[in-house]
């Protein structure tokens, strides 16, 4: 697992082997990928499904990493799944 997330907050890196699995960085799970409702913000949780470029993705972990300059979400998956 070259390029795996540096520090896991929830879940395990090995969970990326599951079908359609992704790991999302903690900042994105709490902001850009969170559900924004009239009652507030609901952070992304393990087990939730997303659609990325027409493909199903299941959140299997939340990781901690350094904040990027652009603050874009960081999503980890396997190479074979990424090229699909």
C-alpha atoms as a PDB file:
ATOM      1  CA  UNK A   1       0.000   0.000   0.000  1.00  0.00           C
ATOM      2  CA  UNK A   2       2.417   2.644  -1.220  1.00  0.00           C
ATOM      3  CA  UNK A   3       0.999   6.121  -0.703  1.00  0.00           C
ATOM      4  CA  UNK A   4      -1.331   5.042   2.099  1.00  0.00           C
ATOM      5  CA  UNK A   5      -2.717   7.695   4.449  1.00  0.00           C
ATOM      6  CA  UNK A   6      -0.182   8.796   7.076  1.00  0.00           C
ATOM      7  CA  UNK A   7      -2.424   8.526  10.162  1.00  0.00           C
ATOM      8  CA  UNK A   8      -5.800   6.829  10.461  1.00  0.00           C
ATOM      9  CA  UNK A   9      -8.462   8.386  12.723  1.00  0.00           C
ATOM     10  CA  UNK A  10     -11.188   5.800  12.001  1.00  0.00           C
ATOM     11  CA  UNK A  11     -10.907   2.511  10.142  1.00  0.00           C
ATOM     12  CA  UNK A  12      -7.823   0.702   8.829  1.00  0.00           C
ATOM     13  CA  UNK A  13      -5.717   1.080   5.692  1.00  0.00           C
ATOM     14  CA  UNK A  14      -6.377  -2.599   4.894  1.00  0.00           C
ATOM     15  CA  UNK A  15     -10.075  -1.715   4.476  1.00  0.00           C
ATOM     16  CA  UNK A  16      -9.149  -0.266   1.062  1.00  0.00           C
ATOM     17  CA  UNK A  17      -9.167  -3.862  -0.196  1.00  0.00           C
ATOM     18  CA  UNK A  18     -12.982  -3.922   0.212  1.00  0.00           C
ATOM     19  CA  UNK A  19     -15.146  -3.374  -2.864  1.00  0.00           C
ATOM     20  CA  UNK A  20     -15.507   0.331  -3.804  1.00  0.00           C
ATOM     21  CA  UNK A  21     -13.648   1.403  -0.644  1.00  0.00           C
ATOM     22  CA  UNK A  22     -12.156   4.858  -0.131  1.00  0.00           C
ATOM     23  CA  UNK A  23     -10.510   6.695   2.749  1.00  0.00           C
ATOM     24  CA  UNK A  24     -11.229  10.403   3.130  1.00  0.00           C
ATOM     25  CA  UNK A  25      -9.196  13.026   4.969  1.00  0.00           C
ATOM     26  CA  UNK A  26     -10.725  14.300   8.226  1.00  0.00           C
ATOM     27  CA  UNK A  27     -10.986  17.949   7.161  1.00  0.00           C
ATOM     28  CA  UNK A  28     -12.993  17.102   4.030  1.00  0.00           C
ATOM     29  CA  UNK A  29     -15.233  14.706   5.994  1.00  0.00           C
ATOM     30  CA  UNK A  30     -16.152  17.580   8.317  1.00  0.00           C
ATOM     31  CA  UNK A  31     -16.568  20.253   5.655  1.00  0.00           C
ATOM     32  CA  UNK A  32     -16.718  19.813   1.871  1.00  0.00           C
ATOM     33  CA  UNK A  33     -17.990  16.219   1.864  1.00  0.00           C
ATOM     34  CA  UNK A  34     -20.298  16.656   4.858  1.00  0.00           C
ATOM     35  CA  UNK A  35     -24.062  16.920   4.510  1.00  0.00           C
ATOM     36  CA  UNK A  36     -25.225  20.500   4.921  1.00  0.00           C
ATOM     37  CA  UNK A  37     -28.783  20.577   6.265  1.00  0.00           C
ATOM     38  CA  UNK A  38     -30.959  23.340   7.631  1.00  0.00           C
ATOM     39  CA  UNK A  39     -30.198  22.004  11.132  1.00  0.00           C
ATOM     40  CA  UNK A  40     -26.416  22.092  10.673  1.00  0.00           C
ATOM     41  CA  UNK A  41     -23.544  20.067   9.269  1.00  0.00           C
ATOM     42  CA  UNK A  42     -23.440  16.267   9.479  1.00  0.00           C
ATOM     43  CA  UNK A  43     -19.875  14.958   8.971  1.00  0.00           C
ATOM     44  CA  UNK A  44     -19.199  12.109   6.548  1.00  0.00           C
ATOM     45  CA  UNK A  45     -19.178   8.772   8.385  1.00  0.00           C
ATOM     46  CA  UNK A  46     -17.753   5.308   7.753  1.00  0.00           C
ATOM     47  CA  UNK A  47     -20.168   3.260   5.678  1.00  0.00           C
ATOM     48  CA  UNK A  48     -21.654   6.192   3.776  1.00  0.00           C
ATOM     49  CA  UNK A  49     -21.740   5.978  -0.004  1.00  0.00           C
ATOM     50  CA  UNK A  50     -20.625   8.669  -2.441  1.00  0.00           C
ATOM     51  CA  UNK A  51     -20.753   8.915  -6.195  1.00  0.00           C
ATOM     52  CA  UNK A  52     -17.458   9.973  -7.757  1.00  0.00           C
ATOM     53  CA  UNK A  53     -17.408  10.482 -11.528  1.00  0.00           C
ATOM     54  CA  UNK A  54     -20.353   8.120 -11.890  1.00  0.00           C
ATOM     55  CA  UNK A  55     -18.786   5.406  -9.730  1.00  0.00           C
ATOM     56  CA  UNK A  56     -19.921   4.167  -6.327  1.00  0.00           C
ATOM     57  CA  UNK A  57     -17.529   4.755  -3.437  1.00  0.00           C
ATOM     58  CA  UNK A  58     -17.977   3.566   0.152  1.00  0.00           C
ATOM     59  CA  UNK A  59     -16.184   5.394   2.964  1.00  0.00           C
ATOM     60  CA  UNK A  60     -14.145   2.817   4.901  1.00  0.00           C
ATOM     61  CA  UNK A  61     -11.919   5.172   6.838  1.00  0.00           C
ATOM     62  CA  UNK A  62     -11.128   8.713   7.909  1.00  0.00           C
ATOM     63  CA  UNK A  63      -7.490   9.801   8.003  1.00  0.00           C
ATOM     64  CA  UNK A  64      -5.506  12.703   9.361  1.00  0.00           C
ATOM     65  CA  UNK A  65      -2.996  14.448   7.152  1.00  0.00           C
ATOM     66  CA  UNK A  66      -1.514  17.867   6.667  1.00  0.00           C
ATOM     67  CA  UNK A  67      -3.784  20.544   5.279  1.00  0.00           C
ATOM     68  CA  UNK A  68      -3.186  21.338   1.622  1.00  0.00           C
ATOM     69  CA  UNK A  69      -2.849  24.825   0.188  1.00  0.00           C
ATOM     70  CA  UNK A  70      -6.032  24.472  -1.875  1.00  0.00           C
ATOM     71  CA  UNK A  71      -8.021  22.674   0.860  1.00  0.00           C
ATOM     72  CA  UNK A  72      -9.446  20.183  -1.638  1.00  0.00           C
ATOM     73  CA  UNK A  73     -10.675  16.831  -0.313  1.00  0.00           C
ATOM     74  CA  UNK A  74      -8.091  14.061  -0.348  1.00  0.00           C
ATOM     75  CA  UNK A  75      -9.447  10.615  -1.175  1.00  0.00           C
ATOM     76  CA  UNK A  76      -7.363   7.446  -1.008  1.00  0.00           C
ATOM     77  CA  UNK A  77      -8.192   4.289  -2.948  1.00  0.00           C
ATOM     78  CA  UNK A  78      -6.359   1.511  -4.749  1.00  0.00           C
ATOM     79  CA  UNK A  79      -4.636   2.239  -8.050  1.00  0.00           C
ATOM     80  CA  UNK A  80      -6.816  -0.205  -9.984  1.00  0.00           C
ATOM     81  CA  UNK A  81      -9.987   1.435  -8.656  1.00  0.00           C
ATOM     82  CA  UNK A  82      -8.692   4.929  -9.401  1.00  0.00           C
ATOM     83  CA  UNK A  83      -8.066   4.184 -13.082  1.00  0.00           C
ATOM     84  CA  UNK A  84     -11.619   2.841 -13.483  1.00  0.00           C
END
